[in-house]
Each structure stands twice: as C-alpha cells, then as structure tokens.
Amino acid sequence: MKPEIKIYGAERCHKTRYYKNYFTTIGLAYYFLDVEQNELYAEDLRKLYKTRQLNFPNITIGEKRLRNP
C-alpha cells in the first residue's frame, strides 16, 4: 500500500505548482490542500509545526514531512 501524499500550498505559489505538475507527470496520486482558500487546510498545516506558521509548499508522504522542498 502506497503512503498518502498531500501537498499543502497555494495555487499562486510557483513551487506548489511545480510539485503538483511533477507528481502528475510521474503518475503519483496526491491531494492538493490550498491553505489560502481553505482555513481547515491552513489549520492542519499549522498543527504540523510548533511555530504554527504557514510555510508552504509542504509535502507529507505518510508520516514524513518535507517543508519548502
């Protein structure tokens, strides 16, 4: 079973668009969570870090986190 991939980001962010395009190109399924359009997604991202900042893009793969890769 493949781990779930989530991209926390914003549509206006060039890095977010890059990773969305990359995962699509190589055929990996992912969930895009726009933290500027949905406050629940923003809150989920804040919970990942003690600073509670909205640093994006942020990619989670299962339990692993990649901040601003």
N, C-alpha and C. Protein backbone atom coordinates (compact mmCIF):
# COMPACT_ATOMS: atom_id res chain seq x y z
N MET A 1 0.83 -1.19 0.00
CA MET A 1 0.00 0.00 0.00
C MET A 1 0.88 1.25 0.00
N LYS A 2 0.61 2.16 -0.91
CA LYS A 2 1.39 3.39 -1.01
C LYS A 2 0.95 4.40 0.06
N PRO A 3 1.92 5.13 0.62
CA PRO A 3 1.54 6.16 1.59
C PRO A 3 0.80 7.31 0.90
N GLU A 4 -0.06 7.97 1.63
CA GLU A 4 -0.82 9.11 1.11
C GLU A 4 0.09 10.33 0.98
N ILE A 5 -0.02 11.01 -0.15
CA ILE A 5 0.78 12.21 -0.40
C ILE A 5 -0.15 13.42 -0.36
N LYS A 6 0.24 14.42 0.41
CA LYS A 6 -0.52 15.68 0.48
C LYS A 6 0.42 16.83 0.20
N ILE A 7 -0.04 17.76 -0.62
CA ILE A 7 0.70 18.98 -0.87
C ILE A 7 -0.08 20.13 -0.26
N TYR A 8 0.46 20.72 0.80
CA TYR A 8 -0.12 21.93 1.38
C TYR A 8 0.54 23.10 0.68
N GLY A 9 -0.25 23.97 0.10
CA GLY A 9 0.32 25.09 -0.62
C GLY A 9 -0.74 26.07 -1.06
N ALA A 10 -0.39 26.87 -2.05
CA ALA A 10 -1.31 27.86 -2.61
C ALA A 10 -1.15 27.85 -4.12
N GLU A 11 -2.24 28.02 -4.81
CA GLU A 11 -2.21 27.99 -6.26
C GLU A 11 -1.30 29.06 -6.84
N ARG A 12 -1.14 30.18 -6.16
CA ARG A 12 -0.29 31.28 -6.66
C ARG A 12 1.20 31.00 -6.50
N CYS A 13 1.54 29.99 -5.71
CA CYS A 13 2.93 29.69 -5.37
C CYS A 13 3.58 28.85 -6.49
N HIS A 14 4.68 29.37 -7.06
CA HIS A 14 5.32 28.66 -8.16
C HIS A 14 5.89 27.32 -7.73
N LYS A 15 6.39 27.20 -6.51
CA LYS A 15 6.90 25.91 -6.04
C LYS A 15 5.77 24.89 -5.86
N THR A 16 4.65 25.35 -5.36
CA THR A 16 3.49 24.46 -5.23
C THR A 16 3.08 23.94 -6.59
N ARG A 17 2.99 24.82 -7.58
CA ARG A 17 2.62 24.41 -8.94
C ARG A 17 3.65 23.43 -9.51
N TYR A 18 4.91 23.68 -9.23
CA TYR A 18 5.97 22.79 -9.70
C TYR A 18 5.75 21.37 -9.18
N TYR A 19 5.54 21.22 -7.88
CA TYR A 19 5.38 19.88 -7.30
C TYR A 19 4.09 19.22 -7.75
N LYS A 20 3.02 19.97 -7.89
CA LYS A 20 1.79 19.39 -8.43
C LYS A 20 2.04 18.84 -9.83
N ASN A 21 2.68 19.61 -10.66
CA ASN A 21 2.98 19.19 -12.03
C ASN A 21 3.91 17.98 -12.04
N TYR A 22 4.93 18.01 -11.19
CA TYR A 22 5.87 16.90 -11.13
C TYR A 22 5.18 15.59 -10.75
N PHE A 23 4.39 15.60 -9.68
CA PHE A 23 3.69 14.39 -9.25
C PHE A 23 2.72 13.90 -10.31
N THR A 24 2.05 14.83 -10.98
CA THR A 24 1.13 14.45 -12.06
C THR A 24 1.90 13.81 -13.21
N THR A 25 3.02 14.40 -13.58
CA THR A 25 3.83 13.91 -14.70
C THR A 25 4.35 12.49 -14.45
N ILE A 26 4.78 12.21 -13.22
CA ILE A 26 5.31 10.87 -12.94
C ILE A 26 4.23 9.89 -12.50
N GLY A 27 2.99 10.36 -12.45
CA GLY A 27 1.86 9.48 -12.18
C GLY A 27 1.60 9.15 -10.72
N LEU A 28 2.03 10.02 -9.82
CA LEU A 28 1.76 9.80 -8.40
C LEU A 28 0.46 10.51 -8.00
N ALA A 29 -0.40 9.80 -7.33
CA ALA A 29 -1.63 10.39 -6.82
C ALA A 29 -1.31 11.23 -5.59
N TYR A 30 -1.94 12.39 -5.48
CA TYR A 30 -1.72 13.28 -4.34
C TYR A 30 -2.98 14.09 -4.08
N TYR A 31 -3.04 14.66 -2.90
CA TYR A 31 -4.11 15.59 -2.55
C TYR A 31 -3.49 16.98 -2.47
N PHE A 32 -4.12 17.94 -3.13
CA PHE A 32 -3.66 19.33 -3.05
C PHE A 32 -4.56 20.06 -2.06
N LEU A 33 -3.95 20.65 -1.04
CA LEU A 33 -4.68 21.35 0.02
C LEU A 33 -4.28 22.82 -0.02
N ASP A 34 -5.13 23.64 -0.60
CA ASP A 34 -4.84 25.07 -0.75
C ASP A 34 -5.11 25.78 0.57
N VAL A 35 -4.03 26.17 1.24
CA VAL A 35 -4.13 26.76 2.58
C VAL A 35 -4.62 28.20 2.55
N GLU A 36 -4.63 28.82 1.39
CA GLU A 36 -5.16 30.19 1.29
C GLU A 36 -6.66 30.18 1.00
N GLN A 37 -7.15 29.10 0.43
CA GLN A 37 -8.57 29.02 0.08
C GLN A 37 -9.41 28.29 1.13
N ASN A 38 -8.76 27.53 2.01
CA ASN A 38 -9.49 26.72 2.97
C ASN A 38 -8.81 26.81 4.33
N GLU A 39 -9.47 27.41 5.28
CA GLU A 39 -8.91 27.61 6.61
C GLU A 39 -8.66 26.29 7.34
N LEU A 40 -9.45 25.26 7.06
CA LEU A 40 -9.23 23.96 7.69
C LEU A 40 -7.89 23.36 7.25
N TYR A 41 -7.56 23.51 5.97
CA TYR A 41 -6.26 23.04 5.48
C TYR A 41 -5.14 23.86 6.11
N ALA A 42 -5.34 25.16 6.24
CA ALA A 42 -4.34 26.02 6.87
C ALA A 42 -4.10 25.58 8.32
N GLU A 43 -5.18 25.27 9.03
CA GLU A 43 -5.04 24.85 10.42
C GLU A 43 -4.33 23.50 10.51
N ASP A 44 -4.63 22.59 9.58
CA ASP A 44 -3.92 21.30 9.56
C ASP A 44 -2.42 21.51 9.37
N LEU A 45 -2.05 22.43 8.49
CA LEU A 45 -0.63 22.72 8.27
C LEU A 45 -0.01 23.35 9.52
N ARG A 46 -0.70 24.27 10.15
CA ARG A 46 -0.17 24.90 11.37
C ARG A 46 0.10 23.86 12.46
N LYS A 47 -0.73 22.84 12.55
CA LYS A 47 -0.58 21.81 13.58
C LYS A 47 0.68 20.97 13.39
N LEU A 48 1.25 20.97 12.19
CA LEU A 48 2.43 20.17 11.94
C LEU A 48 3.70 20.74 12.59
N TYR A 49 3.69 22.01 12.94
CA TYR A 49 4.90 22.67 13.45
C TYR A 49 4.61 23.49 14.70
N LYS A 50 5.58 23.50 15.60
CA LYS A 50 5.44 24.25 16.85
C LYS A 50 5.25 25.74 16.61
N THR A 51 5.86 26.28 15.55
CA THR A 51 5.75 27.71 15.27
C THR A 51 4.37 28.09 14.74
N ARG A 52 3.61 27.09 14.24
CA ARG A 52 2.26 27.29 13.70
C ARG A 52 2.23 28.25 12.51
N GLN A 53 3.36 28.36 11.81
CA GLN A 53 3.42 29.23 10.63
C GLN A 53 2.93 28.48 9.39
N LEU A 54 2.46 29.25 8.43
CA LEU A 54 2.01 28.67 7.16
C LEU A 54 3.16 28.66 6.17
N ASN A 55 4.13 27.82 6.40
CA ASN A 55 5.24 27.68 5.48
C ASN A 55 4.85 26.68 4.40
N PHE A 56 4.84 27.14 3.16
CA PHE A 56 4.48 26.22 2.08
C PHE A 56 5.34 26.51 0.87
N PRO A 57 5.46 25.55 -0.03
CA PRO A 57 4.75 24.29 0.00
C PRO A 57 5.30 23.36 1.07
N ASN A 58 4.45 22.49 1.52
CA ASN A 58 4.79 21.49 2.49
C ASN A 58 4.20 20.19 1.98
N ILE A 59 5.01 19.16 1.89
CA ILE A 59 4.55 17.88 1.36
C ILE A 59 4.64 16.85 2.48
N THR A 60 3.55 16.11 2.67
CA THR A 60 3.59 14.99 3.59
C THR A 60 3.43 13.72 2.77
N ILE A 61 4.25 12.75 3.11
CA ILE A 61 4.18 11.43 2.49
C ILE A 61 4.07 10.45 3.64
N GLY A 62 2.86 10.00 3.87
CA GLY A 62 2.61 9.20 5.07
C GLY A 62 2.89 10.04 6.29
N GLU A 63 3.80 9.60 7.13
CA GLU A 63 4.16 10.33 8.35
C GLU A 63 5.34 11.28 8.15
N LYS A 64 5.97 11.26 6.98
CA LYS A 64 7.14 12.11 6.73
C LYS A 64 6.70 13.47 6.22
N ARG A 65 7.46 14.50 6.58
CA ARG A 65 7.17 15.87 6.16
C ARG A 65 8.36 16.48 5.44
N LEU A 66 8.06 17.19 4.36
CA LEU A 66 9.09 17.93 3.64
C LEU A 66 8.62 19.39 3.60
N ARG A 67 9.32 20.25 4.30
CA ARG A 67 8.91 21.65 4.36
C ARG A 67 9.68 22.45 3.32
N ASN A 68 8.95 23.15 2.48
CA ASN A 68 9.52 24.01 1.46
C ASN A 68 10.66 23.32 0.72
N PRO A 69 10.33 22.14 0.14
CA PRO A 69 11.40 21.37 -0.53
C PRO A 69 12.00 22.09 -1.71
